[in-house]
């Protein structure tokens, strides 16, 4: 009877975030989907900011880093202000990109 609870626990852990996000995979996705506006190091592309007439916060700034992971994922997938949702970032890649953004902390 102890086998069933162990199997159930393993199933719960495998769907509940037991696996850490992959920063390297997040960096690859970031390079393909985010870098053109947010820069390679998370510092905004000034030409894009000027063209869109917006201030783009550095992703390593306290302002961005103080956001929860869920809020960061919501901005990535839902957009914010003039930033459009990034349709190519879904599922596990959301967590990976958030982990990569966390790695940009200054």
C-alpha atoms as a PDB file:
ATOM      1  CA  UNK A   1       0.000   0.000   0.000  1.00  0.00           C
ATOM      2  CA  UNK A   2       2.922   2.370   0.406  1.00  0.00           C
ATOM      3  CA  UNK A   3       3.718   2.097  -3.300  1.00  0.00           C
ATOM      4  CA  UNK A   4       0.559   3.912  -4.371  1.00  0.00           C
ATOM      5  CA  UNK A   5       1.211   7.040  -2.262  1.00  0.00           C
ATOM      6  CA  UNK A   6       4.805   7.130  -3.526  1.00  0.00           C
ATOM      7  CA  UNK A   7       3.607   6.908  -7.131  1.00  0.00           C
ATOM      8  CA  UNK A   8       1.008   9.605  -6.529  1.00  0.00           C
ATOM      9  CA  UNK A   9       3.630  11.850  -4.919  1.00  0.00           C
ATOM     10  CA  UNK A  10       5.973  11.370  -7.877  1.00  0.00           C
ATOM     11  CA  UNK A  11       3.160  12.341 -10.248  1.00  0.00           C
ATOM     12  CA  UNK A  12       2.321  15.430  -8.225  1.00  0.00           C
ATOM     13  CA  UNK A  13       5.946  16.523  -8.100  1.00  0.00           C
ATOM     14  CA  UNK A  14       6.464  16.007 -11.823  1.00  0.00           C
ATOM     15  CA  UNK A  15       3.576  18.333 -12.652  1.00  0.00           C
ATOM     16  CA  UNK A  16       4.069  20.803  -9.855  1.00  0.00           C
ATOM     17  CA  UNK A  17       7.367  22.415 -10.676  1.00  0.00           C
ATOM     18  CA  UNK A  18       9.744  19.770  -9.387  1.00  0.00           C
ATOM     19  CA  UNK A  19      11.969  20.467 -12.384  1.00  0.00           C
ATOM     20  CA  UNK A  20      13.865  23.745 -12.462  1.00  0.00           C
ATOM     21  CA  UNK A  21      13.549  26.075 -15.400  1.00  0.00           C
ATOM     22  CA  UNK A  22      16.385  25.917 -17.912  1.00  0.00           C
ATOM     23  CA  UNK A  23      18.253  29.240 -18.007  1.00  0.00           C
ATOM     24  CA  UNK A  24      20.228  28.211 -21.113  1.00  0.00           C
ATOM     25  CA  UNK A  25      17.071  27.292 -23.025  1.00  0.00           C
ATOM     26  CA  UNK A  26      15.547  30.553 -21.805  1.00  0.00           C
ATOM     27  CA  UNK A  27      18.545  32.431 -23.196  1.00  0.00           C
ATOM     28  CA  UNK A  28      18.073  30.790 -26.573  1.00  0.00           C
ATOM     29  CA  UNK A  29      14.368  31.678 -26.626  1.00  0.00           C
ATOM     30  CA  UNK A  30      15.151  35.197 -25.391  1.00  0.00           C
ATOM     31  CA  UNK A  31      17.702  35.676 -28.196  1.00  0.00           C
ATOM     32  CA  UNK A  32      15.133  34.616 -30.789  1.00  0.00           C
ATOM     33  CA  UNK A  33      12.073  36.400 -29.386  1.00  0.00           C
ATOM     34  CA  UNK A  34      13.100  39.266 -27.090  1.00  0.00           C
ATOM     35  CA  UNK A  35      16.615  40.485 -27.887  1.00  0.00           C
ATOM     36  CA  UNK A  36      15.645  42.764 -30.758  1.00  0.00           C
ATOM     37  CA  UNK A  37      13.806  45.098 -28.360  1.00  0.00           C
ATOM     38  CA  UNK A  38      15.356  44.298 -24.983  1.00  0.00           C
ATOM     39  CA  UNK A  39      18.975  43.917 -26.084  1.00  0.00           C
ATOM     40  CA  UNK A  40      21.345  41.009 -25.608  1.00  0.00           C
ATOM     41  CA  UNK A  41      22.029  41.935 -21.981  1.00  0.00           C
ATOM     42  CA  UNK A  42      18.501  43.066 -21.073  1.00  0.00           C
ATOM     43  CA  UNK A  43      19.255  46.740 -21.706  1.00  0.00           C
ATOM     44  CA  UNK A  44      16.707  48.252 -24.078  1.00  0.00           C
ATOM     45  CA  UNK A  45      17.469  48.812 -27.735  1.00  0.00           C
ATOM     46  CA  UNK A  46      17.440  52.644 -27.885  1.00  0.00           C
ATOM     47  CA  UNK A  47      16.309  52.721 -31.526  1.00  0.00           C
ATOM     48  CA  UNK A  48      13.234  50.607 -30.720  1.00  0.00           C
ATOM     49  CA  UNK A  49      12.429  52.668 -27.627  1.00  0.00           C
ATOM     50  CA  UNK A  50      12.693  55.889 -29.645  1.00  0.00           C
ATOM     51  CA  UNK A  51      10.624  54.523 -32.528  1.00  0.00           C
ATOM     52  CA  UNK A  52       7.885  53.345 -30.147  1.00  0.00           C
ATOM     53  CA  UNK A  53       8.175  56.497 -28.011  1.00  0.00           C
ATOM     54  CA  UNK A  54       8.479  54.508 -24.786  1.00  0.00           C
ATOM     55  CA  UNK A  55      10.927  53.946 -21.991  1.00  0.00           C
ATOM     56  CA  UNK A  56      11.919  50.294 -21.835  1.00  0.00           C
ATOM     57  CA  UNK A  57      13.154  49.307 -18.389  1.00  0.00           C
ATOM     58  CA  UNK A  58      16.356  47.319 -18.146  1.00  0.00           C
ATOM     59  CA  UNK A  59      15.432  43.722 -17.414  1.00  0.00           C
ATOM     60  CA  UNK A  60      18.150  43.612 -14.771  1.00  0.00           C
ATOM     61  CA  UNK A  61      16.732  46.637 -12.936  1.00  0.00           C
ATOM     62  CA  UNK A  62      15.198  46.482  -9.478  1.00  0.00           C
ATOM     63  CA  UNK A  63      11.876  47.490 -11.042  1.00  0.00           C
ATOM     64  CA  UNK A  64      11.734  44.400 -13.247  1.00  0.00           C
ATOM     65  CA  UNK A  65      13.485  42.028 -10.856  1.00  0.00           C
ATOM     66  CA  UNK A  66      11.001  42.865  -8.069  1.00  0.00           C
ATOM     67  CA  UNK A  67       8.147  41.455 -10.163  1.00  0.00           C
ATOM     68  CA  UNK A  68       6.964  37.944  -9.350  1.00  0.00           C
ATOM     69  CA  UNK A  69       7.713  35.138 -11.792  1.00  0.00           C
ATOM     70  CA  UNK A  70       4.001  34.947 -12.574  1.00  0.00           C
ATOM     71  CA  UNK A  71       3.865  38.674 -13.339  1.00  0.00           C
ATOM     72  CA  UNK A  72       6.919  38.435 -15.604  1.00  0.00           C
ATOM     73  CA  UNK A  73       5.355  35.504 -17.455  1.00  0.00           C
ATOM     74  CA  UNK A  74       2.113  37.479 -17.799  1.00  0.00           C
ATOM     75  CA  UNK A  75       3.956  40.401 -19.408  1.00  0.00           C
ATOM     76  CA  UNK A  76       5.796  38.057 -21.774  1.00  0.00           C
ATOM     77  CA  UNK A  77       2.678  36.180 -22.877  1.00  0.00           C
ATOM     78  CA  UNK A  78       0.118  38.969 -22.539  1.00  0.00           C
ATOM     79  CA  UNK A  79       2.110  42.075 -23.382  1.00  0.00           C
ATOM     80  CA  UNK A  80       2.160  45.374 -21.521  1.00  0.00           C
ATOM     81  CA  UNK A  81       1.606  48.876 -22.827  1.00  0.00           C
ATOM     82  CA  UNK A  82       2.955  48.968 -26.389  1.00  0.00           C
ATOM     83  CA  UNK A  83       4.697  45.616 -25.947  1.00  0.00           C
ATOM     84  CA  UNK A  84       2.758  42.940 -27.776  1.00  0.00           C
ATOM     85  CA  UNK A  85       2.402  39.407 -26.431  1.00  0.00           C
ATOM     86  CA  UNK A  86       5.213  37.089 -27.488  1.00  0.00           C
ATOM     87  CA  UNK A  87       3.187  34.298 -29.097  1.00  0.00           C
ATOM     88  CA  UNK A  88       6.231  32.069 -29.600  1.00  0.00           C
ATOM     89  CA  UNK A  89       6.837  31.810 -25.840  1.00  0.00           C
ATOM     90  CA  UNK A  90       4.489  29.209 -24.394  1.00  0.00           C
ATOM     91  CA  UNK A  91       4.529  26.364 -21.896  1.00  0.00           C
ATOM     92  CA  UNK A  92       7.912  25.504 -20.423  1.00  0.00           C
ATOM     93  CA  UNK A  93       9.595  28.215 -22.479  1.00  0.00           C
ATOM     94  CA  UNK A  94       7.759  30.812 -20.337  1.00  0.00           C
ATOM     95  CA  UNK A  95       9.490  29.506 -17.215  1.00  0.00           C
ATOM     96  CA  UNK A  96      12.800  29.293 -19.057  1.00  0.00           C
ATOM     97  CA  UNK A  97      12.634  32.901 -20.264  1.00  0.00           C
ATOM     98  CA  UNK A  98      11.655  34.092 -16.778  1.00  0.00           C
ATOM     99  CA  UNK A  99      14.674  32.199 -15.391  1.00  0.00           C
ATOM    100  CA  UNK A 100      16.878  33.878 -18.012  1.00  0.00           C
ATOM    101  CA  UNK A 101      15.492  37.315 -17.111  1.00  0.00           C
ATOM    102  CA  UNK A 102      16.299  36.545 -13.467  1.00  0.00           C
ATOM    103  CA  UNK A 103      19.886  35.816 -14.531  1.00  0.00           C
ATOM    104  CA  UNK A 104      20.169  39.424 -15.800  1.00  0.00           C
ATOM    105  CA  UNK A 105      19.805  40.859 -12.285  1.00  0.00           C
ATOM    106  CA  UNK A 106      22.366  43.574 -11.662  1.00  0.00           C
END
